[in-house]
């Protein structure tokens, strides 16, 4: 699930149906939701979404419209990348477990590992990764 108006990717997982969405938010169902959660919250998705898919709200806000999110080209799961997908899902599960025990738990180390795995899904070079990382640090979380 995600809210439409945010300062960056803020996708959340509700495996037990406990969340209630009142307005301006969306719920996604299907398989491999932990993989999608990891991918959609990744730094690569943040920069590509803000650059090519989203509607900006001033200098710091982003509209995560359903039709735009659903058109994000998430890499399909293939025999070649199944291992990377499984690692992403495992890290997402670890983040969810830490947050379940302490909602304020620092999970930046695990999030960083997910970012690195997402870069590997695309076989990005070190130069391409530096470009993405530099773009985010220069422009902030949702920079264009």
Protein backbone atom coordinates (compact mmCIF):
# COMPACT_ATOMS: atom_id res chain seq x y z
CA UNK A 1 0.00 0.00 0.00
CA UNK A 2 1.07 3.59 -0.49
CA UNK A 3 -0.19 7.10 -0.05
CA UNK A 4 -0.57 9.31 -3.07
CA UNK A 5 1.14 12.39 -1.64
CA UNK A 6 4.61 11.82 -0.20
CA UNK A 7 8.14 13.17 -0.14
CA UNK A 8 9.57 9.95 -1.55
CA UNK A 9 8.72 6.30 -1.91
CA UNK A 10 6.83 5.22 1.20
CA UNK A 11 5.41 1.85 0.25
CA UNK A 12 4.30 -0.34 3.15
CA UNK A 13 3.39 -4.00 3.58
CA UNK A 14 0.28 -5.27 5.37
CA UNK A 15 0.33 -9.05 5.34
CA UNK A 16 -2.51 -9.38 7.86
CA UNK A 17 -5.05 -6.85 6.58
CA UNK A 18 -4.75 -4.53 9.56
CA UNK A 19 -4.40 -1.21 7.75
CA UNK A 20 -7.32 0.94 6.72
CA UNK A 21 -7.04 3.36 3.82
CA UNK A 22 -9.46 6.27 4.01
CA UNK A 23 -8.51 8.45 1.06
CA UNK A 24 -5.73 9.22 -1.37
CA UNK A 25 -3.97 5.91 -0.88
CA UNK A 26 -3.80 2.65 -2.77
CA UNK A 27 -3.56 -1.06 -2.04
CA UNK A 28 -1.79 -3.53 -4.31
CA UNK A 29 -2.37 -7.26 -4.20
CA UNK A 30 -0.65 -10.15 -5.90
CA UNK A 31 2.41 -12.31 -5.57
CA UNK A 32 5.97 -11.41 -4.65
CA UNK A 33 4.79 -8.34 -2.74
CA UNK A 34 8.00 -8.25 -0.67
CA UNK A 35 10.01 -8.05 -3.90
CA UNK A 36 7.77 -5.21 -5.11
CA UNK A 37 8.05 -3.46 -1.75
CA UNK A 38 11.85 -3.60 -1.87
CA UNK A 39 11.98 -2.46 -5.47
CA UNK A 40 9.43 0.34 -5.14
CA UNK A 41 11.20 1.77 -2.05
CA UNK A 42 14.64 1.56 -3.69
CA UNK A 43 16.80 4.53 -4.52
CA UNK A 44 16.77 3.58 -8.20
CA UNK A 45 12.96 3.62 -8.30
CA UNK A 46 12.93 6.92 -6.42
CA UNK A 47 15.08 8.67 -9.02
CA UNK A 48 13.48 7.08 -12.10
CA UNK A 49 9.94 7.65 -10.84
CA UNK A 50 10.59 11.27 -9.96
CA UNK A 51 12.30 11.83 -13.31
CA UNK A 52 9.90 10.11 -15.72
CA UNK A 53 6.63 9.10 -14.08
CA UNK A 54 5.44 11.44 -11.37
CA UNK A 55 3.69 14.73 -10.92
CA UNK A 56 5.71 17.08 -8.72
CA UNK A 57 4.25 18.99 -5.81
CA UNK A 58 6.56 21.93 -5.41
CA UNK A 59 10.17 21.23 -4.50
CA UNK A 60 9.69 18.35 -2.06
CA UNK A 61 6.47 16.49 -2.76
CA UNK A 62 5.57 13.77 -5.20
CA UNK A 63 2.23 12.34 -6.32
CA UNK A 64 2.39 8.56 -6.41
CA UNK A 65 -0.66 8.15 -8.63
CA UNK A 66 -1.92 4.61 -9.07
CA UNK A 67 -1.75 4.67 -12.88
CA UNK A 68 1.86 5.89 -12.74
CA UNK A 69 2.97 3.38 -10.09
CA UNK A 70 1.40 0.54 -12.05
CA UNK A 71 3.40 1.57 -15.13
CA UNK A 72 6.79 1.41 -13.34
CA UNK A 73 8.88 -1.14 -15.25
CA UNK A 74 9.72 -3.52 -12.40
CA UNK A 75 12.10 -6.19 -13.67
CA UNK A 76 10.21 -9.46 -14.16
CA UNK A 77 11.34 -12.44 -12.13
CA UNK A 78 13.35 -14.79 -14.32
CA UNK A 79 15.51 -17.85 -13.69
CA UNK A 80 18.55 -15.57 -14.11
CA UNK A 81 17.54 -13.08 -11.40
CA UNK A 82 15.60 -15.40 -9.06
CA UNK A 83 18.49 -15.40 -6.59
CA UNK A 84 18.57 -11.58 -6.43
CA UNK A 85 14.79 -11.46 -6.01
CA UNK A 86 14.97 -13.99 -3.16
CA UNK A 87 17.67 -11.89 -1.45
CA UNK A 88 15.53 -8.74 -1.79
CA UNK A 89 12.51 -10.56 -0.34
CA UNK A 90 14.60 -11.86 2.55
CA UNK A 91 15.91 -8.38 3.38
CA UNK A 92 12.40 -6.91 3.19
CA UNK A 93 11.19 -9.61 5.59
CA UNK A 94 14.03 -8.76 7.96
CA UNK A 95 13.11 -5.05 7.83
CA UNK A 96 9.47 -5.90 8.52
CA UNK A 97 10.48 -8.08 11.47
CA UNK A 98 12.70 -5.36 12.96
CA UNK A 99 9.96 -2.76 12.53
CA UNK A 100 7.38 -5.09 14.07
CA UNK A 101 9.50 -5.23 17.23
CA UNK A 102 10.34 -1.52 17.15
CA UNK A 103 8.68 0.81 14.62
CA UNK A 104 11.61 3.24 15.02
CA UNK A 105 14.28 0.59 14.35
CA UNK A 106 17.11 1.77 12.12
CA UNK A 107 17.02 -0.38 8.99
CA UNK A 108 19.19 1.77 6.74
CA UNK A 109 21.80 -0.98 6.44
CA UNK A 110 19.23 -3.41 5.07
CA UNK A 111 17.71 -0.76 2.81
CA UNK A 112 21.17 -0.08 1.39
CA UNK A 113 21.64 -3.78 0.67
CA UNK A 114 18.33 -3.78 -1.21
CA UNK A 115 19.49 -0.78 -3.26
CA UNK A 116 22.64 -2.66 -4.23
CA UNK A 117 20.63 -5.73 -5.26
CA UNK A 118 18.28 -3.57 -7.36
CA UNK A 119 21.32 -2.09 -9.13
CA UNK A 120 22.45 -5.66 -9.84
CA UNK A 121 19.05 -6.48 -11.36
CA UNK A 122 19.97 -3.98 -14.07
CA UNK A 123 23.69 -4.82 -14.20
CA UNK A 124 24.50 -1.17 -13.55
CA UNK A 125 28.12 -0.11 -13.67
CA UNK A 126 29.86 1.69 -10.81
CA UNK A 127 29.67 4.92 -12.85
CA UNK A 128 25.92 4.54 -13.37
CA UNK A 129 25.41 3.87 -9.67
CA UNK A 130 27.46 6.95 -8.74
CA UNK A 131 25.31 9.01 -11.11
CA UNK A 132 22.13 7.79 -9.41
CA UNK A 133 23.55 8.22 -5.91
CA UNK A 134 24.86 11.68 -6.77
CA UNK A 135 21.52 12.71 -8.23
CA UNK A 136 19.70 11.75 -5.04
CA UNK A 137 22.13 13.45 -2.71
CA UNK A 138 22.23 16.60 -4.86
CA UNK A 139 18.49 17.01 -5.34
CA UNK A 140 17.18 15.45 -2.16
CA UNK A 141 14.85 12.52 -1.78
CA UNK A 142 12.54 13.24 -4.69
CA UNK A 143 14.73 15.36 -6.94
CA UNK A 144 14.27 15.48 -10.67
